[in-house]
PDB file of all heavy atoms in Angstrom:
ATOM      1  N   LEU A   1       4.097  -7.603   3.329  1.00  0.00           N
ATOM      2  CA  LEU A   1       5.111  -7.046   2.578  1.00  0.00           C
ATOM      3  C   LEU A   1       6.416  -7.935   2.639  1.00  0.00           C
ATOM      4  O   LEU A   1       6.749  -8.512   3.659  1.00  0.00           O
ATOM      5  CB  LEU A   1       5.471  -5.712   3.262  1.00  0.00           C
ATOM      6  CG  LEU A   1       4.384  -4.652   3.158  1.00  0.00           C
ATOM      7  CD1 LEU A   1       4.743  -3.386   3.869  1.00  0.00           C
ATOM      8  CD2 LEU A   1       4.117  -4.226   1.681  1.00  0.00           C
ATOM      9  N   ALA A   2       6.971  -8.104   1.396  1.00  0.00           N
ATOM     10  CA  ALA A   2       8.121  -8.925   1.393  1.00  0.00           C
ATOM     11  C   ALA A   2       9.308  -8.522   2.232  1.00  0.00           C
ATOM     12  O   ALA A   2      10.062  -9.416   2.742  1.00  0.00           O
ATOM     13  CB  ALA A   2       8.564  -9.017  -0.153  1.00  0.00           C
ATOM     14  N   GLY A   3       9.448  -7.291   2.472  1.00  0.00           N
ATOM     15  CA  GLY A   3      10.566  -6.841   3.286  1.00  0.00           C
ATOM     16  C   GLY A   3      10.328  -6.770   4.782  1.00  0.00           C
ATOM     17  O   GLY A   3      11.195  -6.416   5.606  1.00  0.00           O
ATOM     18  N   GLY A   4       9.125  -7.149   5.128  1.00  0.00           N
ATOM     19  CA  GLY A   4       8.678  -7.106   6.543  1.00  0.00           C
ATOM     20  C   GLY A   4       7.534  -6.167   6.827  1.00  0.00           C
ATOM     21  O   GLY A   4       7.471  -5.093   6.213  1.00  0.00           O
ATOM     22  N   GLY A   5       6.570  -6.488   7.751  1.00  0.00           N
ATOM     23  CA  GLY A   5       5.530  -5.748   7.885  1.00  0.00           C
ATOM     24  C   GLY A   5       4.314  -6.059   7.055  1.00  0.00           C
ATOM     25  O   GLY A   5       4.316  -7.052   6.299  1.00  0.00           O
ATOM     26  N   ASN A   6       3.166  -5.178   7.119  1.00  0.00           N
ATOM     27  CA  ASN A   6       2.031  -5.499   6.380  1.00  0.00           C
ATOM     28  C   ASN A   6       1.420  -4.164   5.924  1.00  0.00           C
ATOM     29  O   ASN A   6       1.643  -3.160   6.517  1.00  0.00           O
ATOM     30  CB  ASN A   6       1.107  -6.406   7.006  1.00  0.00           C
ATOM     31  CG  ASN A   6       0.474  -5.808   8.314  1.00  0.00           C
ATOM     32  OD1 ASN A   6      -0.494  -4.994   8.218  1.00  0.00           O
ATOM     33  ND2 ASN A   6       1.039  -6.136   9.440  1.00  0.00           N
ATOM     34  N   LEU A   7       0.531  -4.390   4.907  1.00  0.00           N
ATOM     35  CA  LEU A   7      -0.200  -3.226   4.285  1.00  0.00           C
ATOM     36  C   LEU A   7      -1.600  -3.738   4.300  1.00  0.00           C
ATOM     37  O   LEU A   7      -1.972  -4.706   3.749  1.00  0.00           O
ATOM     38  CB  LEU A   7       0.384  -2.941   2.955  1.00  0.00           C
ATOM     39  CG  LEU A   7      -0.227  -1.689   2.154  1.00  0.00           C
ATOM     40  CD1 LEU A   7       0.155  -0.394   2.917  1.00  0.00           C
ATOM     41  CD2 LEU A   7       0.231  -1.642   0.759  1.00  0.00           C
ATOM     42  N   ARG A   8      -2.477  -2.817   4.819  1.00  0.00           N
ATOM     43  CA  ARG A   8      -3.915  -3.013   4.766  1.00  0.00           C
ATOM     44  C   ARG A   8      -4.555  -1.925   3.942  1.00  0.00           C
ATOM     45  O   ARG A   8      -4.367  -0.819   4.205  1.00  0.00           O
ATOM     46  CB  ARG A   8      -4.506  -3.052   6.221  1.00  0.00           C
ATOM     47  CG  ARG A   8      -3.633  -3.946   7.157  1.00  0.00           C
ATOM     48  CD  ARG A   8      -4.007  -3.767   8.617  1.00  0.00           C
ATOM     49  NE  ARG A   8      -2.938  -4.292   9.479  1.00  0.00           N
ATOM     50  CZ  ARG A   8      -2.920  -4.442  10.774  1.00  0.00           C
ATOM     51  NH1 ARG A   8      -4.097  -4.095  11.423  1.00  0.00           N
ATOM     52  NH2 ARG A   8      -1.904  -4.855  11.485  1.00  0.00           N
ATOM     53  N   VAL A   9      -5.410  -2.429   3.037  1.00  0.00           N
ATOM     54  CA  VAL A   9      -5.959  -1.572   2.044  1.00  0.00           C
ATOM     55  C   VAL A   9      -7.519  -1.556   2.115  1.00  0.00           C
ATOM     56  O   VAL A   9      -8.126  -2.603   1.997  1.00  0.00           O
ATOM     57  CB  VAL A   9      -5.484  -1.803   0.617  1.00  0.00           C
ATOM     58  CG1 VAL A   9      -5.871  -0.713  -0.343  1.00  0.00           C
ATOM     59  CG2 VAL A   9      -4.025  -1.958   0.593  1.00  0.00           C
ATOM     60  N   ALA A  10      -8.147  -0.483   2.248  1.00  0.00           N
ATOM     61  CA  ALA A  10      -9.596  -0.392   2.268  1.00  0.00           C
ATOM     62  C   ALA A  10     -10.252  -0.558   0.943  1.00  0.00           C
ATOM     63  O   ALA A  10      -9.726  -0.195   0.047  1.00  0.00           O
ATOM     64  CB  ALA A  10      -9.989   0.909   2.935  1.00  0.00           C
ATOM     65  N   ARG A  11     -11.492  -1.170   0.984  1.00  0.00           N
ATOM     66  CA  ARG A  11     -12.152  -1.366  -0.249  1.00  0.00           C
ATOM     67  C   ARG A  11     -12.469  -0.008  -0.911  1.00  0.00           C
ATOM     68  O   ARG A  11     -12.607   1.077  -0.350  1.00  0.00           O
ATOM     69  CB  ARG A  11     -13.512  -2.013   0.002  1.00  0.00           C
ATOM     70  CG  ARG A  11     -14.567  -1.207   0.929  1.00  0.00           C
ATOM     71  CD  ARG A  11     -15.770  -1.938   1.215  1.00  0.00           C
ATOM     72  NE  ARG A  11     -15.519  -3.117   2.015  1.00  0.00           N
ATOM     73  CZ  ARG A  11     -16.127  -4.197   2.059  1.00  0.00           C
ATOM     74  NH1 ARG A  11     -17.001  -4.446   1.096  1.00  0.00           N
ATOM     75  NH2 ARG A  11     -15.780  -5.210   2.883  1.00  0.00           N
ATOM     76  N   GLY A  12     -12.509  -0.084  -2.241  1.00  0.00           N
ATOM     77  CA  GLY A  12     -12.615   1.173  -3.008  1.00  0.00           C
ATOM     78  C   GLY A  12     -11.377   1.871  -3.218  1.00  0.00           C
ATOM     79  O   GLY A  12     -11.356   3.011  -3.754  1.00  0.00           O
ATOM     80  N   SER A  13     -10.279   1.359  -2.877  1.00  0.00           N
ATOM     81  CA  SER A  13      -8.920   2.053  -3.096  1.00  0.00           C
ATOM     82  C   SER A  13      -8.301   1.604  -4.358  1.00  0.00           C
ATOM     83  O   SER A  13      -8.480   0.512  -4.981  1.00  0.00           O
ATOM     84  CB  SER A  13      -7.927   1.673  -1.951  1.00  0.00           C
ATOM     85  OG  SER A  13      -8.482   2.009  -0.636  1.00  0.00           O
ATOM     86  N   SER A  14      -7.411   2.446  -4.848  1.00  0.00           N
ATOM     87  CA  SER A  14      -6.672   2.290  -6.114  1.00  0.00           C
ATOM     88  C   SER A  14      -5.191   2.732  -5.825  1.00  0.00           C
ATOM     89  O   SER A  14      -4.966   3.810  -5.351  1.00  0.00           O
ATOM     90  CB  SER A  14      -7.211   3.031  -7.227  1.00  0.00           C
ATOM     91  OG  SER A  14      -6.488   2.763  -8.449  1.00  0.00           O
ATOM     92  N   PHE A  15      -4.231   1.737  -6.204  1.00  0.00           N
ATOM     93  CA  PHE A  15      -2.842   2.224  -5.909  1.00  0.00           C
ATOM     94  C   PHE A  15      -1.977   1.420  -6.878  1.00  0.00           C
ATOM     95  O   PHE A  15      -2.375   0.443  -7.565  1.00  0.00           O
ATOM     96  CB  PHE A  15      -2.425   1.801  -4.546  1.00  0.00           C
ATOM     97  CG  PHE A  15      -2.205   0.424  -4.127  1.00  0.00           C
ATOM     98  CD1 PHE A  15      -0.999  -0.208  -4.203  1.00  0.00           C
ATOM     99  CD2 PHE A  15      -3.406  -0.363  -3.867  1.00  0.00           C
ATOM    100  CE1 PHE A  15      -0.880  -1.489  -3.922  1.00  0.00           C
ATOM    101  CE2 PHE A  15      -3.202  -1.683  -3.504  1.00  0.00           C
ATOM    102  CZ  PHE A  15      -1.990  -2.252  -3.499  1.00  0.00           C
ATOM    103  N   ASP A  16      -0.770   1.878  -7.090  1.00  0.00           N
ATOM    104  CA  ASP A  16       0.222   1.228  -7.904  1.00  0.00           C
ATOM    105  C   ASP A  16       1.560   1.019  -7.206  1.00  0.00           C
ATOM    106  O   ASP A  16       1.784   1.716  -6.157  1.00  0.00           O
ATOM    107  CB  ASP A  16       0.432   1.828  -9.260  1.00  0.00           C
ATOM    108  CG  ASP A  16       1.005   3.266  -9.302  1.00  0.00           C
ATOM    109  OD1 ASP A  16       0.246   4.223  -8.901  1.00  0.00           O
ATOM    110  OD2 ASP A  16       2.183   3.365  -9.331  1.00  0.00           O
ATOM    111  N   ILE A  17       2.397   0.275  -7.716  1.00  0.00           N
ATOM    112  CA  ILE A  17       3.716   0.031  -7.130  1.00  0.00           C
ATOM    113  C   ILE A  17       4.876   0.386  -8.032  1.00  0.00           C
ATOM    114  O   ILE A  17       5.231  -0.283  -8.920  1.00  0.00           O
ATOM    115  CB  ILE A  17       3.952  -1.468  -6.785  1.00  0.00           C
ATOM    116  CG1 ILE A  17       2.693  -1.910  -5.929  1.00  0.00           C
ATOM    117  CG2 ILE A  17       5.199  -1.716  -6.013  1.00  0.00           C
ATOM    118  CD1 ILE A  17       2.621  -3.439  -5.744  1.00  0.00           C
ATOM    119  N   PRO A  18       5.337   1.678  -7.907  1.00  0.00           N
ATOM    120  CA  PRO A  18       6.456   2.149  -8.820  1.00  0.00           C
ATOM    121  C   PRO A  18       7.791   1.699  -8.579  1.00  0.00           C
ATOM    122  O   PRO A  18       8.600   1.549  -9.434  1.00  0.00           O
ATOM    123  CB  PRO A  18       6.380   3.671  -8.498  1.00  0.00           C
ATOM    124  CG  PRO A  18       5.889   3.903  -7.116  1.00  0.00           C
ATOM    125  CD  PRO A  18       4.811   2.765  -6.946  1.00  0.00           C
ATOM    126  N   ASP A  19       8.163   1.177  -7.373  1.00  0.00           N
ATOM    127  CA  ASP A  19       9.400   0.496  -7.023  1.00  0.00           C
ATOM    128  C   ASP A  19       9.157  -0.395  -5.862  1.00  0.00           C
ATOM    129  O   ASP A  19       8.199  -0.558  -5.292  1.00  0.00           O
ATOM    130  CB  ASP A  19      10.558   1.408  -6.850  1.00  0.00           C
ATOM    131  CG  ASP A  19      10.384   2.382  -5.627  1.00  0.00           C
ATOM    132  OD1 ASP A  19      10.185   1.903  -4.605  1.00  0.00           O
ATOM    133  OD2 ASP A  19      10.479   3.600  -5.873  1.00  0.00           O
ATOM    134  N   ALA A  20      10.284  -1.167  -5.422  1.00  0.00           N
ATOM    135  CA  ALA A  20      10.238  -2.156  -4.436  1.00  0.00           C
ATOM    136  C   ALA A  20       9.918  -1.657  -3.104  1.00  0.00           C
ATOM    137  O   ALA A  20       9.483  -2.480  -2.146  1.00  0.00           O
ATOM    138  CB  ALA A  20      11.541  -2.934  -4.478  1.00  0.00           C
ATOM    139  N   ASN A  21      10.006  -0.378  -2.835  1.00  0.00           N
ATOM    140  CA  ASN A  21       9.788   0.173  -1.488  1.00  0.00           C
ATOM    141  C   ASN A  21       8.817   1.238  -1.490  1.00  0.00           C
ATOM    142  O   ASN A  21       8.723   2.002  -0.436  1.00  0.00           O
ATOM    143  CB  ASN A  21      11.106   0.713  -0.906  1.00  0.00           C
ATOM    144  CG  ASN A  21      12.223  -0.405  -0.814  1.00  0.00           C
ATOM    145  OD1 ASN A  21      11.973  -1.385  -0.043  1.00  0.00           O
ATOM    146  ND2 ASN A  21      13.402  -0.152  -1.327  1.00  0.00           N
ATOM    147  N   THR A  22       7.935   1.292  -2.503  1.00  0.00           N
ATOM    148  CA  THR A  22       7.010   2.514  -2.611  1.00  0.00           C
ATOM    149  C   THR A  22       5.670   1.964  -3.121  1.00  0.00           C
ATOM    150  O   THR A  22       5.538   1.153  -4.088  1.00  0.00           O
ATOM    151  CB  THR A  22       7.542   3.601  -3.572  1.00  0.00           C
ATOM    152  OG1 THR A  22       8.878   3.905  -3.137  1.00  0.00           O
ATOM    153  CG2 THR A  22       6.585   4.814  -3.538  1.00  0.00           C
ATOM    154  N   VAL A  23       4.566   2.513  -2.558  1.00  0.00           N
ATOM    155  CA  VAL A  23       3.200   2.411  -3.135  1.00  0.00           C
ATOM    156  C   VAL A  23       2.706   3.787  -3.377  1.00  0.00           C
ATOM    157  O   VAL A  23       3.007   4.736  -2.573  1.00  0.00           O
ATOM    158  CB  VAL A  23       2.230   1.647  -2.237  1.00  0.00           C
ATOM    159  CG1 VAL A  23       2.764   0.143  -2.071  1.00  0.00           C
ATOM    160  CG2 VAL A  23       1.983   2.206  -0.872  1.00  0.00           C
ATOM    161  N   ARG A  24       1.915   3.947  -4.483  1.00  0.00           N
ATOM    162  CA  ARG A  24       1.368   5.299  -4.732  1.00  0.00           C
ATOM    163  C   ARG A  24      -0.082   5.204  -4.670  1.00  0.00           C
ATOM    164  O   ARG A  24      -0.685   4.437  -5.510  1.00  0.00           O
ATOM    165  CB  ARG A  24       1.937   5.739  -6.104  1.00  0.00           C
ATOM    166  CG  ARG A  24       1.392   7.085  -6.517  1.00  0.00           C
ATOM    167  CD  ARG A  24       2.168   7.656  -7.696  1.00  0.00           C
ATOM    168  NE  ARG A  24       2.325   6.571  -8.795  1.00  0.00           N
ATOM    169  CZ  ARG A  24       3.278   6.704  -9.671  1.00  0.00           C
ATOM    170  NH1 ARG A  24       4.176   7.628  -9.710  1.00  0.00           N
ATOM    171  NH2 ARG A  24       3.364   5.799 -10.602  1.00  0.00           N
ATOM    172  N   LEU A  25      -0.706   5.936  -3.804  1.00  0.00           N
ATOM    173  CA  LEU A  25      -2.126   5.798  -3.541  1.00  0.00           C
ATOM    174  C   LEU A  25      -2.852   6.833  -4.532  1.00  0.00           C
ATOM    175  O   LEU A  25      -2.592   7.994  -4.379  1.00  0.00           O
ATOM    176  CB  LEU A  25      -2.453   6.079  -2.042  1.00  0.00           C
ATOM    177  CG  LEU A  25      -3.852   5.950  -1.709  1.00  0.00           C
ATOM    178  CD1 LEU A  25      -4.442   4.599  -1.842  1.00  0.00           C
ATOM    179  CD2 LEU A  25      -4.126   6.557  -0.159  1.00  0.00           C
ATOM    180  N   ALA A  26      -3.726   6.346  -5.315  1.00  0.00           N
ATOM    181  CA  ALA A  26      -4.534   7.136  -6.195  1.00  0.00           C
ATOM    182  C   ALA A  26      -5.808   7.584  -5.517  1.00  0.00           C
ATOM    183  O   ALA A  26      -6.389   8.704  -5.830  1.00  0.00           O
ATOM    184  CB  ALA A  26      -4.727   6.585  -7.507  1.00  0.00           C
ATOM    185  N   SER A  27      -6.532   6.644  -4.850  1.00  0.00           N
ATOM    186  CA  SER A  27      -7.733   6.916  -4.162  1.00  0.00           C
ATOM    187  C   SER A  27      -7.920   5.857  -3.107  1.00  0.00           C
ATOM    188  O   SER A  27      -7.305   4.814  -3.036  1.00  0.00           O
ATOM    189  CB  SER A  27      -8.940   6.740  -5.167  1.00  0.00           C
ATOM    190  OG  SER A  27      -8.962   5.456  -5.669  1.00  0.00           O
ATOM    191  N   GLY A  28      -8.771   6.296  -2.059  1.00  0.00           N
ATOM    192  CA  GLY A  28      -9.074   5.383  -1.008  1.00  0.00           C
ATOM    193  C   GLY A  28      -8.238   5.555   0.218  1.00  0.00           C
ATOM    194  O   GLY A  28      -7.710   6.629   0.485  1.00  0.00           O
ATOM    195  N   GLU A  29      -7.977   4.409   0.942  1.00  0.00           N
ATOM    196  CA  GLU A  29      -7.226   4.457   2.175  1.00  0.00           C
ATOM    197  C   GLU A  29      -6.411   3.252   2.423  1.00  0.00           C
ATOM    198  O   GLU A  29      -6.831   2.116   2.029  1.00  0.00           O
ATOM    199  CB  GLU A  29      -8.324   4.632   3.325  1.00  0.00           C
ATOM    200  CG  GLU A  29      -7.670   4.730   4.681  1.00  0.00           C
ATOM    201  CD  GLU A  29      -8.652   5.036   5.805  1.00  0.00           C
ATOM    202  OE1 GLU A  29      -9.833   5.041   5.480  1.00  0.00           O
ATOM    203  OE2 GLU A  29      -8.226   5.381   6.995  1.00  0.00           O
ATOM    204  N   LEU A  30      -5.280   3.432   3.024  1.00  0.00           N
ATOM    205  CA  LEU A  30      -4.395   2.290   3.430  1.00  0.00           C
ATOM    206  C   LEU A  30      -3.809   2.416   4.704  1.00  0.00           C
ATOM    207  O   LEU A  30      -3.721   3.571   5.303  1.00  0.00           O
ATOM    208  CB  LEU A  30      -3.340   1.973   2.355  1.00  0.00           C
ATOM    209  CG  LEU A  30      -2.367   3.116   1.878  1.00  0.00           C
ATOM    210  CD1 LEU A  30      -1.325   3.389   2.975  1.00  0.00           C
ATOM    211  CD2 LEU A  30      -1.805   2.757   0.487  1.00  0.00           C
ATOM    212  N   TYR A  31      -3.319   1.392   5.327  1.00  0.00           N
ATOM    213  CA  TYR A  31      -2.780   1.457   6.709  1.00  0.00           C
ATOM    214  C   TYR A  31      -1.453   0.600   6.653  1.00  0.00           C
ATOM    215  O   TYR A  31      -1.406  -0.542   6.091  1.00  0.00           O
ATOM    216  CB  TYR A  31      -3.687   0.765   7.556  1.00  0.00           C
ATOM    217  CG  TYR A  31      -3.241   0.506   9.087  1.00  0.00           C
ATOM    218  CD1 TYR A  31      -3.533   1.564   9.988  1.00  0.00           C
ATOM    219  CD2 TYR A  31      -2.597  -0.604   9.463  1.00  0.00           C
ATOM    220  CE1 TYR A  31      -3.177   1.371  11.394  1.00  0.00           C
ATOM    221  CE2 TYR A  31      -2.147  -0.723  10.832  1.00  0.00           C
ATOM    222  CZ  TYR A  31      -2.550   0.218  11.704  1.00  0.00           C
ATOM    223  OH  TYR A  31      -2.108   0.013  13.105  1.00  0.00           O
ATOM    224  N   VAL A  32      -0.413   1.226   7.049  1.00  0.00           N
ATOM    225  CA  VAL A  32       0.923   0.716   7.031  1.00  0.00           C
ATOM    226  C   VAL A  32       1.328   0.251   8.360  1.00  0.00           C
ATOM    227  O   VAL A  32       1.319   1.023   9.332  1.00  0.00           O
ATOM    228  CB  VAL A  32       2.001   1.624   6.471  1.00  0.00           C
ATOM    229  CG1 VAL A  32       3.350   1.023   6.437  1.00  0.00           C
ATOM    230  CG2 VAL A  32       1.586   2.153   5.087  1.00  0.00           C
ATOM    231  N   ASP A  33       1.805  -1.125   8.543  1.00  0.00           N
ATOM    232  CA  ASP A  33       2.272  -1.565   9.793  1.00  0.00           C
ATOM    233  C   ASP A  33       3.648  -2.109   9.594  1.00  0.00           C
ATOM    234  O   ASP A  33       3.864  -3.243   9.100  1.00  0.00           O
ATOM    235  CB  ASP A  33       1.340  -2.669  10.303  1.00  0.00           C
ATOM    236  CG  ASP A  33       1.742  -3.377  11.656  1.00  0.00           C
ATOM    237  OD1 ASP A  33       2.747  -2.672  12.268  1.00  0.00           O
ATOM    238  OD2 ASP A  33       1.119  -4.333  12.021  1.00  0.00           O
ATOM    239  N   ILE A  34       4.673  -1.375  10.031  1.00  0.00           N
ATOM    240  CA  ILE A  34       6.110  -1.740   9.997  1.00  0.00           C
ATOM    241  C   ILE A  34       6.646  -1.712  11.424  1.00  0.00           C
ATOM    242  O   ILE A  34       6.949  -0.734  12.047  1.00  0.00           O
ATOM    243  CB  ILE A  34       6.920  -0.814   9.141  1.00  0.00           C
ATOM    244  CG1 ILE A  34       6.191  -0.544   7.766  1.00  0.00           C
ATOM    245  CG2 ILE A  34       8.302  -1.315   8.942  1.00  0.00           C
ATOM    246  CD1 ILE A  34       6.288  -1.645   6.860  1.00  0.00           C
TER     247      ILE A  34
END
């Protein structure tokens, strides 16, 4: 992540980025490490 930390996204996931500080998960799984 550009602002610090990392994002881990599992295979089969779908997401979009509506703004600089947000992700929107449509399906699957993700892990946020801040």
